Amino acid sequence: MATLHFTQSPSFTITNQKQHPTTTTSTSTSTNTNTKLPAPFHLKPSLSRYRSLTTIVKSYKVVIEHEGQATELDVGPDETILAKALDSGLSVPHDCKLGVCMTCPAKLVSGTVDQSEGMLSDDVVERGYALLCASYPRSDCHFRTIPEEDLLALQLATAND
């Protein structure tokens, strides 16, 4: 289940701080004249109504079935499912982490992922297969890991079509 939290950000007003003296700088010319610069504009936060900054937290529940056990992970939309699985201590097969070697295959039981960085053919993706290292969740998902040979056979079979 995706989780979103929204808070309002403070509004800002620009004020010209004329009560501050102007800044004087010296230039190194032969006449040694002074140049006056106007006081800078300052952003003054108007925090009377809002006291918190904008924060968006979003993650998806991803279940991975591997070797007869199901593990549930909270995975952000900008991290791969493999990276989160490894960070959580789950020992799933992997090698290149680039979506090329086909070592981390899985069957997508439910949900949607972005795996545009992987090298699976469109036919294999449409059949519900994924590479965990190139899969970014776009909804809550459920995966079942499969043997590498199963995916390779599918990938080669669709390449001949």
N, C-alpha and C. Protein backbone atom coordinates (compact mmCIF):
# COMPACT_ATOMS: atom_id res chain seq x y z
N MET A 1 0.84 -1.17 0.00
CA MET A 1 0.00 0.00 0.00
C MET A 1 0.89 1.24 0.00
N ALA A 2 0.61 2.15 -0.90
CA ALA A 2 1.40 3.39 -0.98
C ALA A 2 1.02 4.32 0.16
N THR A 3 1.99 5.05 0.67
CA THR A 3 1.76 5.98 1.76
C THR A 3 2.24 7.36 1.33
N LEU A 4 1.37 8.34 1.41
CA LEU A 4 1.73 9.72 1.07
C LEU A 4 1.42 10.61 2.27
N HIS A 5 2.32 11.51 2.58
CA HIS A 5 2.11 12.49 3.63
C HIS A 5 2.39 13.87 3.05
N PHE A 6 1.44 14.79 3.18
CA PHE A 6 1.63 16.14 2.67
C PHE A 6 1.52 17.13 3.82
N THR A 7 2.39 18.09 3.83
CA THR A 7 2.29 19.19 4.78
C THR A 7 2.48 20.47 4.00
N GLN A 8 1.99 21.57 4.54
CA GLN A 8 2.11 22.83 3.84
C GLN A 8 3.46 23.46 4.11
N SER A 9 3.99 24.12 3.09
CA SER A 9 5.28 24.79 3.25
C SER A 9 5.05 26.25 3.63
N PRO A 10 6.04 26.86 4.26
CA PRO A 10 5.87 28.26 4.64
C PRO A 10 5.86 29.16 3.41
N SER A 11 5.10 30.25 3.51
CA SER A 11 5.11 31.22 2.43
C SER A 11 6.21 32.24 2.71
N PHE A 12 6.72 32.86 1.68
CA PHE A 12 7.79 33.83 1.83
C PHE A 12 7.36 35.16 1.22
N THR A 13 7.78 36.24 1.85
CA THR A 13 7.55 37.57 1.28
C THR A 13 8.89 38.24 1.09
N ILE A 14 8.99 39.02 0.04
CA ILE A 14 10.23 39.75 -0.23
C ILE A 14 10.06 41.16 0.31
N THR A 15 10.98 41.56 1.14
CA THR A 15 10.93 42.91 1.69
C THR A 15 12.23 43.62 1.36
N ASN A 16 12.13 44.89 1.07
CA ASN A 16 13.32 45.70 0.82
C ASN A 16 13.72 46.31 2.15
N GLN A 17 14.84 45.92 2.67
CA GLN A 17 15.29 46.34 3.99
C GLN A 17 16.03 47.68 3.90
N LYS A 18 15.28 48.77 3.76
CA LYS A 18 15.89 50.09 3.60
C LYS A 18 16.51 50.60 4.89
N GLN A 19 16.09 50.05 6.02
CA GLN A 19 16.64 50.53 7.28
C GLN A 19 18.09 50.09 7.48
N HIS A 20 18.57 49.10 6.70
CA HIS A 20 19.96 48.68 6.80
C HIS A 20 20.84 49.64 6.02
N PRO A 21 22.02 49.93 6.52
CA PRO A 21 22.92 50.83 5.79
C PRO A 21 23.39 50.16 4.50
N THR A 22 23.76 50.97 3.56
CA THR A 22 24.27 50.43 2.31
C THR A 22 25.69 49.93 2.52
N THR A 23 26.08 49.02 1.70
CA THR A 23 27.40 48.43 1.79
C THR A 23 28.37 49.23 0.95
N THR A 24 29.50 49.51 1.50
CA THR A 24 30.51 50.27 0.78
C THR A 24 31.67 49.35 0.46
N THR A 25 32.07 49.37 -0.79
CA THR A 25 33.24 48.59 -1.18
C THR A 25 34.25 49.49 -1.83
N SER A 26 35.46 49.12 -1.71
CA SER A 26 36.54 49.89 -2.29
C SER A 26 37.00 49.21 -3.57
N THR A 27 37.18 49.99 -4.61
CA THR A 27 37.70 49.43 -5.85
C THR A 27 39.14 49.83 -5.99
N SER A 28 39.91 48.98 -6.59
CA SER A 28 41.33 49.27 -6.71
C SER A 28 41.62 49.90 -8.08
N THR A 29 41.30 51.17 -8.18
CA THR A 29 41.65 51.92 -9.38
C THR A 29 42.61 53.02 -8.97
N SER A 30 43.12 53.70 -9.93
CA SER A 30 44.09 54.75 -9.62
C SER A 30 43.45 55.90 -8.85
N THR A 31 42.12 56.12 -9.01
CA THR A 31 41.47 57.21 -8.29
C THR A 31 40.94 56.77 -6.93
N ASN A 32 40.86 55.46 -6.67
CA ASN A 32 40.43 54.91 -5.39
C ASN A 32 39.07 55.47 -4.97
N THR A 33 38.04 55.25 -5.81
CA THR A 33 36.69 55.71 -5.51
C THR A 33 35.91 54.62 -4.79
N ASN A 34 34.88 55.04 -4.07
CA ASN A 34 34.01 54.10 -3.38
C ASN A 34 32.74 53.90 -4.18
N THR A 35 32.26 52.66 -4.19
CA THR A 35 31.01 52.34 -4.88
C THR A 35 30.01 51.91 -3.82
N LYS A 36 28.82 52.49 -3.85
CA LYS A 36 27.79 52.11 -2.89
C LYS A 36 26.85 51.12 -3.55
N LEU A 37 26.65 50.02 -2.85
CA LEU A 37 25.74 48.99 -3.32
C LEU A 37 24.48 49.04 -2.47
N PRO A 38 23.31 48.84 -3.08
CA PRO A 38 22.07 48.85 -2.29
C PRO A 38 22.02 47.64 -1.37
N ALA A 39 21.28 47.78 -0.29
CA ALA A 39 21.10 46.67 0.64
C ALA A 39 20.37 45.55 -0.09
N PRO A 40 20.70 44.33 0.21
CA PRO A 40 20.07 43.21 -0.49
C PRO A 40 18.63 43.01 -0.06
N PHE A 41 17.86 42.39 -0.94
CA PHE A 41 16.51 41.99 -0.59
C PHE A 41 16.62 40.76 0.31
N HIS A 42 15.76 40.65 1.27
CA HIS A 42 15.79 39.51 2.18
C HIS A 42 14.48 38.76 2.09
N LEU A 43 14.56 37.44 2.16
CA LEU A 43 13.36 36.62 2.23
C LEU A 43 12.99 36.49 3.70
N LYS A 44 11.80 36.88 3.99
CA LYS A 44 11.34 36.81 5.37
C LYS A 44 10.25 35.75 5.44
N PRO A 45 10.53 34.64 6.08
CA PRO A 45 9.50 33.61 6.16
C PRO A 45 8.32 34.07 7.00
N SER A 46 7.15 33.89 6.45
CA SER A 46 5.93 34.22 7.17
C SER A 46 5.43 32.93 7.80
N LEU A 47 5.90 32.65 9.00
CA LEU A 47 5.62 31.38 9.64
C LEU A 47 4.48 31.43 10.64
N SER A 48 3.69 32.48 10.60
CA SER A 48 2.63 32.58 11.58
C SER A 48 1.57 31.49 11.39
N ARG A 49 1.33 31.10 10.14
CA ARG A 49 0.30 30.08 9.90
C ARG A 49 0.88 28.69 9.70
N TYR A 50 2.08 28.58 9.14
CA TYR A 50 2.64 27.29 8.79
C TYR A 50 3.97 27.10 9.50
N ARG A 51 4.14 25.98 10.14
CA ARG A 51 5.35 25.76 10.90
C ARG A 51 6.16 24.55 10.41
N SER A 52 5.77 23.92 9.31
CA SER A 52 6.52 22.75 8.85
C SER A 52 6.87 22.87 7.37
N LEU A 53 7.86 22.13 6.97
CA LEU A 53 8.30 22.12 5.59
C LEU A 53 7.58 21.02 4.82
N THR A 54 7.58 21.12 3.52
CA THR A 54 6.94 20.11 2.68
C THR A 54 7.74 18.82 2.72
N THR A 55 7.05 17.73 2.99
CA THR A 55 7.67 16.43 3.00
C THR A 55 6.75 15.44 2.30
N ILE A 56 7.28 14.73 1.34
CA ILE A 56 6.50 13.70 0.66
C ILE A 56 7.21 12.38 0.89
N VAL A 57 6.49 11.45 1.48
CA VAL A 57 7.04 10.13 1.73
C VAL A 57 6.19 9.15 0.94
N LYS A 58 6.84 8.34 0.10
CA LYS A 58 6.09 7.42 -0.73
C LYS A 58 6.88 6.12 -0.83
N SER A 59 6.23 5.02 -0.53
CA SER A 59 6.86 3.72 -0.71
C SER A 59 5.77 2.71 -1.03
N TYR A 60 6.19 1.58 -1.56
CA TYR A 60 5.26 0.53 -1.94
C TYR A 60 5.59 -0.74 -1.17
N LYS A 61 4.57 -1.51 -0.88
CA LYS A 61 4.75 -2.82 -0.25
C LYS A 61 5.09 -3.82 -1.35
N VAL A 62 6.24 -4.44 -1.25
CA VAL A 62 6.68 -5.42 -2.24
C VAL A 62 6.92 -6.74 -1.51
N VAL A 63 6.25 -7.79 -1.96
CA VAL A 63 6.42 -9.12 -1.39
C VAL A 63 7.26 -9.93 -2.37
N ILE A 64 8.32 -10.55 -1.86
CA ILE A 64 9.18 -11.42 -2.67
C ILE A 64 9.12 -12.82 -2.09
N GLU A 65 8.66 -13.77 -2.90
CA GLU A 65 8.69 -15.18 -2.52
C GLU A 65 9.99 -15.76 -3.05
N HIS A 66 10.82 -16.24 -2.13
CA HIS A 66 12.11 -16.81 -2.52
C HIS A 66 12.40 -18.00 -1.62
N GLU A 67 12.67 -19.14 -2.25
CA GLU A 67 12.98 -20.39 -1.55
C GLU A 67 11.93 -20.73 -0.50
N GLY A 68 10.67 -20.59 -0.87
CA GLY A 68 9.57 -20.99 0.00
C GLY A 68 9.19 -20.00 1.09
N GLN A 69 9.86 -18.86 1.16
CA GLN A 69 9.53 -17.86 2.17
C GLN A 69 9.13 -16.55 1.51
N ALA A 70 8.14 -15.90 2.08
CA ALA A 70 7.69 -14.60 1.58
C ALA A 70 8.25 -13.50 2.48
N THR A 71 8.84 -12.50 1.87
CA THR A 71 9.39 -11.36 2.60
C THR A 71 8.73 -10.10 2.09
N GLU A 72 8.25 -9.27 3.01
CA GLU A 72 7.62 -8.00 2.63
C GLU A 72 8.60 -6.85 2.85
N LEU A 73 8.73 -6.00 1.84
CA LEU A 73 9.64 -4.87 1.89
C LEU A 73 8.89 -3.58 1.58
N ASP A 74 9.36 -2.47 2.13
CA ASP A 74 8.89 -1.14 1.74
C ASP A 74 9.93 -0.59 0.77
N VAL A 75 9.52 -0.40 -0.48
CA VAL A 75 10.45 0.01 -1.52
C VAL A 75 10.00 1.34 -2.10
N GLY A 76 10.92 2.29 -2.16
CA GLY A 76 10.63 3.59 -2.75
C GLY A 76 10.61 3.51 -4.27
N PRO A 77 9.96 4.46 -4.91
CA PRO A 77 9.86 4.43 -6.38
C PRO A 77 11.18 4.66 -7.09
N ASP A 78 12.19 5.16 -6.37
CA ASP A 78 13.48 5.44 -7.00
C ASP A 78 14.55 4.41 -6.65
N GLU A 79 14.16 3.28 -6.06
CA GLU A 79 15.13 2.23 -5.75
C GLU A 79 14.67 0.91 -6.37
N THR A 80 15.64 0.11 -6.79
CA THR A 80 15.29 -1.17 -7.39
C THR A 80 14.87 -2.15 -6.31
N ILE A 81 14.07 -3.10 -6.72
CA ILE A 81 13.61 -4.11 -5.78
C ILE A 81 14.78 -4.97 -5.31
N LEU A 82 15.72 -5.25 -6.20
CA LEU A 82 16.90 -6.02 -5.80
C LEU A 82 17.72 -5.27 -4.75
N ALA A 83 17.96 -3.99 -4.96
CA ALA A 83 18.76 -3.21 -4.00
C ALA A 83 18.12 -3.24 -2.62
N LYS A 84 16.80 -3.06 -2.56
CA LYS A 84 16.11 -3.08 -1.27
C LYS A 84 16.15 -4.47 -0.65
N ALA A 85 15.99 -5.51 -1.47
CA ALA A 85 16.04 -6.88 -0.96
C ALA A 85 17.41 -7.18 -0.35
N LEU A 86 18.47 -6.79 -1.05
CA LEU A 86 19.82 -7.03 -0.53
C LEU A 86 20.09 -6.22 0.74
N ASP A 87 19.62 -4.96 0.76
CA ASP A 87 19.77 -4.12 1.96
C ASP A 87 19.05 -4.72 3.16
N SER A 88 17.97 -5.45 2.89
CA SER A 88 17.18 -6.05 3.96
C SER A 88 17.71 -7.41 4.39
N GLY A 89 18.80 -7.86 3.76
CA GLY A 89 19.39 -9.13 4.13
C GLY A 89 18.86 -10.34 3.38
N LEU A 90 18.00 -10.12 2.41
CA LEU A 90 17.46 -11.22 1.61
C LEU A 90 18.52 -11.67 0.61
N SER A 91 18.78 -12.96 0.55
CA SER A 91 19.82 -13.49 -0.33
C SER A 91 19.18 -14.02 -1.61
N VAL A 92 19.06 -13.14 -2.60
CA VAL A 92 18.51 -13.54 -3.90
C VAL A 92 19.64 -13.54 -4.92
N PRO A 93 19.54 -14.41 -5.94
CA PRO A 93 20.60 -14.45 -6.95
C PRO A 93 20.71 -13.12 -7.70
N HIS A 94 21.94 -12.70 -7.96
CA HIS A 94 22.17 -11.47 -8.72
C HIS A 94 23.62 -11.47 -9.20
N ASP A 95 23.90 -10.62 -10.17
CA ASP A 95 25.27 -10.50 -10.64
C ASP A 95 25.55 -9.07 -11.07
N CYS A 96 25.13 -8.68 -12.26
CA CYS A 96 25.56 -7.39 -12.83
C CYS A 96 24.84 -6.18 -12.24
N LYS A 97 23.62 -6.34 -11.76
CA LYS A 97 22.78 -5.26 -11.23
C LYS A 97 22.47 -4.19 -12.28
N LEU A 98 22.54 -4.58 -13.57
CA LEU A 98 22.29 -3.64 -14.67
C LEU A 98 21.15 -4.08 -15.58
N GLY A 99 20.54 -5.24 -15.31
CA GLY A 99 19.46 -5.72 -16.16
C GLY A 99 19.93 -6.41 -17.42
N VAL A 100 21.17 -6.91 -17.41
CA VAL A 100 21.74 -7.51 -18.62
C VAL A 100 21.97 -9.01 -18.47
N CYS A 101 22.44 -9.47 -17.34
CA CYS A 101 22.92 -10.85 -17.20
C CYS A 101 21.81 -11.88 -16.97
N MET A 102 20.61 -11.47 -16.65
CA MET A 102 19.45 -12.36 -16.44
C MET A 102 19.59 -13.25 -15.20
N THR A 103 20.38 -12.85 -14.22
CA THR A 103 20.62 -13.68 -13.04
C THR A 103 19.57 -13.48 -11.94
N CYS A 104 18.79 -12.42 -11.99
CA CYS A 104 17.82 -12.12 -10.91
C CYS A 104 16.37 -12.13 -11.42
N PRO A 105 15.96 -13.20 -12.13
CA PRO A 105 14.61 -13.20 -12.70
C PRO A 105 13.53 -13.48 -11.66
N ALA A 106 12.35 -12.97 -11.96
CA ALA A 106 11.20 -13.21 -11.10
C ALA A 106 9.93 -13.13 -11.93
N LYS A 107 8.90 -13.78 -11.44
CA LYS A 107 7.58 -13.69 -12.04
C LYS A 107 6.82 -12.63 -11.26
N LEU A 108 6.28 -11.64 -11.95
CA LEU A 108 5.48 -10.60 -11.32
C LEU A 108 4.07 -11.14 -11.16
N VAL A 109 3.70 -11.50 -9.94
CA VAL A 109 2.40 -12.10 -9.65
C VAL A 109 1.32 -11.02 -9.68
N SER A 110 1.61 -9.86 -9.10
CA SER A 110 0.66 -8.75 -9.13
C SER A 110 1.41 -7.43 -9.00
N GLY A 111 0.76 -6.37 -9.45
CA GLY A 111 1.35 -5.04 -9.36
C GLY A 111 1.99 -4.60 -10.66
N THR A 112 2.57 -3.40 -10.62
CA THR A 112 3.23 -2.84 -11.81
C THR A 112 4.61 -2.33 -11.42
N VAL A 113 5.54 -2.46 -12.37
CA VAL A 113 6.91 -1.98 -12.18
C VAL A 113 7.37 -1.29 -13.45
N ASP A 114 8.34 -0.41 -13.29
CA ASP A 114 9.04 0.18 -14.42
C ASP A 114 10.34 -0.60 -14.55
N GLN A 115 10.48 -1.31 -15.66
CA GLN A 115 11.72 -2.04 -15.90
C GLN A 115 12.28 -1.69 -17.27
N SER A 116 12.13 -0.42 -17.61
CA SER A 116 12.60 0.06 -18.92
C SER A 116 14.12 0.01 -19.05
N GLU A 117 14.84 -0.07 -17.94
CA GLU A 117 16.31 -0.13 -17.99
C GLU A 117 16.82 -1.55 -18.23
N GLY A 118 15.94 -2.55 -18.13
CA GLY A 118 16.36 -3.94 -18.30
C GLY A 118 16.37 -4.36 -19.76
N MET A 119 16.94 -5.52 -20.02
CA MET A 119 17.10 -6.02 -21.38
C MET A 119 16.12 -7.12 -21.75
N LEU A 120 15.02 -7.27 -21.01
CA LEU A 120 14.04 -8.29 -21.37
C LEU A 120 13.27 -7.85 -22.60
N SER A 121 12.91 -8.83 -23.43
CA SER A 121 12.11 -8.51 -24.61
C SER A 121 10.70 -8.12 -24.17
N ASP A 122 10.02 -7.35 -25.00
CA ASP A 122 8.67 -6.90 -24.67
C ASP A 122 7.73 -8.08 -24.46
N ASP A 123 7.89 -9.16 -25.25
CA ASP A 123 7.04 -10.34 -25.11
C ASP A 123 7.18 -10.96 -23.73
N VAL A 124 8.39 -11.05 -23.23
CA VAL A 124 8.64 -11.65 -21.92
C VAL A 124 8.07 -10.75 -20.82
N VAL A 125 8.23 -9.45 -20.96
CA VAL A 125 7.68 -8.50 -19.98
C VAL A 125 6.16 -8.60 -19.96
N GLU A 126 5.54 -8.69 -21.14
CA GLU A 126 4.08 -8.79 -21.22
C GLU A 126 3.56 -10.07 -20.58
N ARG A 127 4.38 -11.11 -20.52
CA ARG A 127 3.99 -12.37 -19.87
C ARG A 127 4.17 -12.30 -18.35
N GLY A 128 4.66 -11.17 -17.85
CA GLY A 128 4.75 -10.98 -16.41
C GLY A 128 6.07 -11.32 -15.78
N TYR A 129 7.13 -11.31 -16.55
CA TYR A 129 8.46 -11.61 -16.01
C TYR A 129 9.24 -10.31 -15.81
N ALA A 130 10.16 -10.35 -14.87
CA ALA A 130 10.93 -9.15 -14.56
C ALA A 130 12.33 -9.53 -14.08
N LEU A 131 13.22 -8.57 -14.16
CA LEU A 131 14.54 -8.68 -13.54
C LEU A 131 14.51 -7.77 -12.32
N LEU A 132 14.77 -8.32 -11.15
CA LEU A 132 14.66 -7.55 -9.91
C LEU A 132 15.61 -6.35 -9.89
N CYS A 133 16.76 -6.47 -10.55
CA CYS A 133 17.75 -5.39 -10.52
C CYS A 133 17.34 -4.20 -11.37
N ALA A 134 16.38 -4.39 -12.27
CA ALA A 134 15.96 -3.30 -13.15
C ALA A 134 14.50 -2.95 -12.94
N SER A 135 13.91 -3.39 -11.83
CA SER A 135 12.50 -3.17 -11.55
C SER A 135 12.31 -2.13 -10.46
N TYR A 136 11.61 -1.05 -10.82
CA TYR A 136 11.25 0.01 -9.88
C TYR A 136 9.74 -0.08 -9.66
N PRO A 137 9.28 -0.20 -8.42
CA PRO A 137 7.84 -0.36 -8.19
C PRO A 137 7.05 0.89 -8.55
N ARG A 138 5.88 0.67 -9.13
CA ARG A 138 4.94 1.76 -9.42
C ARG A 138 3.60 1.52 -8.74
N SER A 139 3.53 0.41 -7.99
CA SER A 139 2.37 0.08 -7.16
C SER A 139 2.85 -0.99 -6.18
N ASP A 140 1.97 -1.42 -5.29
CA ASP A 140 2.30 -2.56 -4.45
C ASP A 140 2.48 -3.77 -5.37
N CYS A 141 3.47 -4.61 -5.08
CA CYS A 141 3.83 -5.72 -5.97
C CYS A 141 4.03 -7.02 -5.21
N HIS A 142 3.91 -8.11 -5.97
CA HIS A 142 4.20 -9.44 -5.44
C HIS A 142 5.02 -10.17 -6.50
N PHE A 143 6.20 -10.65 -6.12
CA PHE A 143 7.11 -11.37 -7.01
C PHE A 143 7.36 -12.77 -6.49
N ARG A 144 7.63 -13.68 -7.41
CA ARG A 144 8.11 -15.01 -7.07
C ARG A 144 9.39 -15.23 -7.88
N THR A 145 10.51 -15.47 -7.20
CA THR A 145 11.76 -15.70 -7.93
C THR A 145 11.66 -17.01 -8.70
N ILE A 146 12.33 -17.05 -9.85
CA ILE A 146 12.32 -18.25 -10.70
C ILE A 146 13.76 -18.58 -11.07
N PRO A 147 14.01 -19.82 -11.50
CA PRO A 147 15.37 -20.16 -11.93
C PRO A 147 15.78 -19.37 -13.17
N GLU A 148 17.03 -19.01 -13.22
CA GLU A 148 17.57 -18.24 -14.34
C GLU A 148 17.31 -18.94 -15.68
N GLU A 149 17.41 -20.27 -15.69
CA GLU A 149 17.24 -21.04 -16.92
C GLU A 149 15.84 -20.86 -17.51
N ASP A 150 14.82 -20.74 -16.63
CA ASP A 150 13.45 -20.56 -17.11
C ASP A 150 13.31 -19.27 -17.89
N LEU A 151 13.89 -18.21 -17.37
CA LEU A 151 13.80 -16.92 -18.06
C LEU A 151 14.63 -16.91 -19.34
N LEU A 152 15.81 -17.51 -19.30
CA LEU A 152 16.65 -17.57 -20.50
C LEU A 152 15.95 -18.32 -21.62
N ALA A 153 15.29 -19.43 -21.29
CA ALA A 153 14.56 -20.20 -22.30
C ALA A 153 13.45 -19.35 -22.92
N LEU A 154 12.73 -18.62 -22.09
CA LEU A 154 11.67 -17.74 -22.60
C LEU A 154 12.24 -16.62 -23.46
N GLN A 155 13.29 -16.01 -23.00
CA GLN A 155 13.91 -14.89 -23.73
C GLN A 155 14.40 -15.37 -25.10
N LEU A 156 15.04 -16.54 -25.15
CA LEU A 156 15.53 -17.07 -26.42
C LEU A 156 14.39 -17.50 -27.33
N ALA A 157 13.33 -18.07 -26.75
CA ALA A 157 12.19 -18.51 -27.56
C ALA A 157 11.50 -17.33 -28.22
N THR A 158 11.37 -16.22 -27.50
CA THR A 158 10.69 -15.05 -28.09
C THR A 158 11.60 -14.32 -29.06
N ALA A 159 12.91 -14.50 -28.94
CA ALA A 159 13.84 -13.86 -29.88
C ALA A 159 13.72 -14.47 -31.26
N ASN A 160 13.28 -15.74 -31.33
CA ASN A 160 13.14 -16.41 -32.61
C ASN A 160 11.80 -16.15 -33.28
N ASP A 161 10.88 -15.54 -32.58
CA ASP A 161 9.54 -15.26 -33.15
C ASP A 161 9.57 -14.12 -34.12
